[in-house]
């Protein structure tokens, strides 16, 4: 999985590419979200348009990210989700 970030319309866009499998990538994703909370950037959109495959650990990573943002006073939304992910 590769992560690309940008900012648009007062939101942080996190684009995930490749296979989302959890593991060490989940820790990287969590640290990224915590850094945005620390910077008071609390509106996050996760773009799944370039994800080829996601397993249950990858889904768990997204759920954990949602909880992290909610507990930090922010929000996490998904964009371009398909039947594949």
Protein backbone atom coordinates (compact mmCIF):
# COMPACT_ATOMS: atom_id res chain seq x y z
CA UNK A 1 0.00 0.00 0.00
CA UNK A 2 1.17 3.50 -0.82
CA UNK A 3 -0.17 6.64 0.83
CA UNK A 4 -0.42 10.01 -0.90
CA UNK A 5 -1.79 13.04 0.91
CA UNK A 6 -3.04 16.44 -0.19
CA UNK A 7 -5.27 19.18 1.15
CA UNK A 8 -8.38 20.53 -0.58
CA UNK A 9 -11.43 22.43 0.61
CA UNK A 10 -10.25 22.54 4.25
CA UNK A 11 -9.90 18.75 4.33
CA UNK A 12 -6.99 16.34 4.19
CA UNK A 13 -7.26 13.84 1.34
CA UNK A 14 -5.47 10.53 1.98
CA UNK A 15 -5.23 8.47 -1.20
CA UNK A 16 -4.50 4.78 -0.64
CA UNK A 17 -3.02 2.83 -3.57
CA UNK A 18 -2.44 -0.88 -4.08
CA UNK A 19 -3.39 -3.60 -1.60
CA UNK A 20 -4.61 -2.54 1.85
CA UNK A 21 -3.62 -5.40 4.13
CA UNK A 22 -3.14 -3.83 7.59
CA UNK A 23 0.05 -4.85 9.43
CA UNK A 24 2.85 -2.27 9.60
CA UNK A 25 0.89 -0.05 7.21
CA UNK A 26 -1.87 0.26 9.81
CA UNK A 27 0.61 1.74 12.28
CA UNK A 28 1.81 4.22 9.65
CA UNK A 29 -1.80 5.21 8.89
CA UNK A 30 -2.57 5.65 12.59
CA UNK A 31 0.51 7.86 13.13
CA UNK A 32 -0.51 9.95 10.13
CA UNK A 33 -4.00 10.51 11.55
CA UNK A 34 -2.61 11.41 14.98
CA UNK A 35 -0.28 13.95 13.37
CA UNK A 36 -3.26 15.58 11.63
CA UNK A 37 -5.16 15.78 14.91
CA UNK A 38 -2.12 17.40 16.53
CA UNK A 39 -2.02 19.95 13.67
CA UNK A 40 -5.77 20.63 14.20
CA UNK A 41 -6.60 19.17 10.77
CA UNK A 42 -9.68 17.21 11.69
CA UNK A 43 -11.51 16.67 8.40
CA UNK A 44 -10.08 13.63 6.63
CA UNK A 45 -11.26 11.96 3.44
CA UNK A 46 -9.79 8.56 2.53
CA UNK A 47 -9.83 8.02 -1.24
CA UNK A 48 -10.12 4.30 -2.04
CA UNK A 49 -10.31 4.71 -5.83
CA UNK A 50 -6.83 3.24 -6.42
CA UNK A 51 -7.14 0.33 -3.98
CA UNK A 52 -6.90 -3.03 -5.76
CA UNK A 53 -7.69 -5.29 -2.80
CA UNK A 54 -8.52 -4.89 0.88
CA UNK A 55 -8.64 -7.70 3.44
CA UNK A 56 -10.28 -7.69 6.88
CA UNK A 57 -7.14 -6.22 8.50
CA UNK A 58 -7.28 -3.33 6.04
CA UNK A 59 -10.93 -2.77 6.92
CA UNK A 60 -9.96 -2.85 10.60
CA UNK A 61 -7.34 -0.18 9.88
CA UNK A 62 -10.04 2.10 8.43
CA UNK A 63 -12.40 1.47 11.35
CA UNK A 64 -9.60 2.24 13.80
CA UNK A 65 -8.85 5.42 11.84
CA UNK A 66 -12.50 6.45 12.06
CA UNK A 67 -12.42 5.94 15.84
CA UNK A 68 -9.14 7.86 16.16
CA UNK A 69 -10.54 10.87 14.29
CA UNK A 70 -13.86 10.78 16.16
CA UNK A 71 -12.13 10.63 19.54
CA UNK A 72 -9.90 13.53 18.45
CA UNK A 73 -12.93 15.68 17.63
CA UNK A 74 -12.70 15.16 13.88
CA UNK A 75 -14.24 13.09 11.13
CA UNK A 76 -13.09 10.50 8.62
CA UNK A 77 -15.05 9.87 5.43
CA UNK A 78 -14.52 7.34 2.64
CA UNK A 79 -14.58 8.24 -1.04
CA UNK A 80 -14.66 6.08 -4.18
CA UNK A 81 -15.38 2.84 -2.34
CA UNK A 82 -16.24 -0.01 -4.71
CA UNK A 83 -17.23 -3.65 -4.43
CA UNK A 84 -13.53 -4.57 -4.57
CA UNK A 85 -12.73 -2.66 -1.38
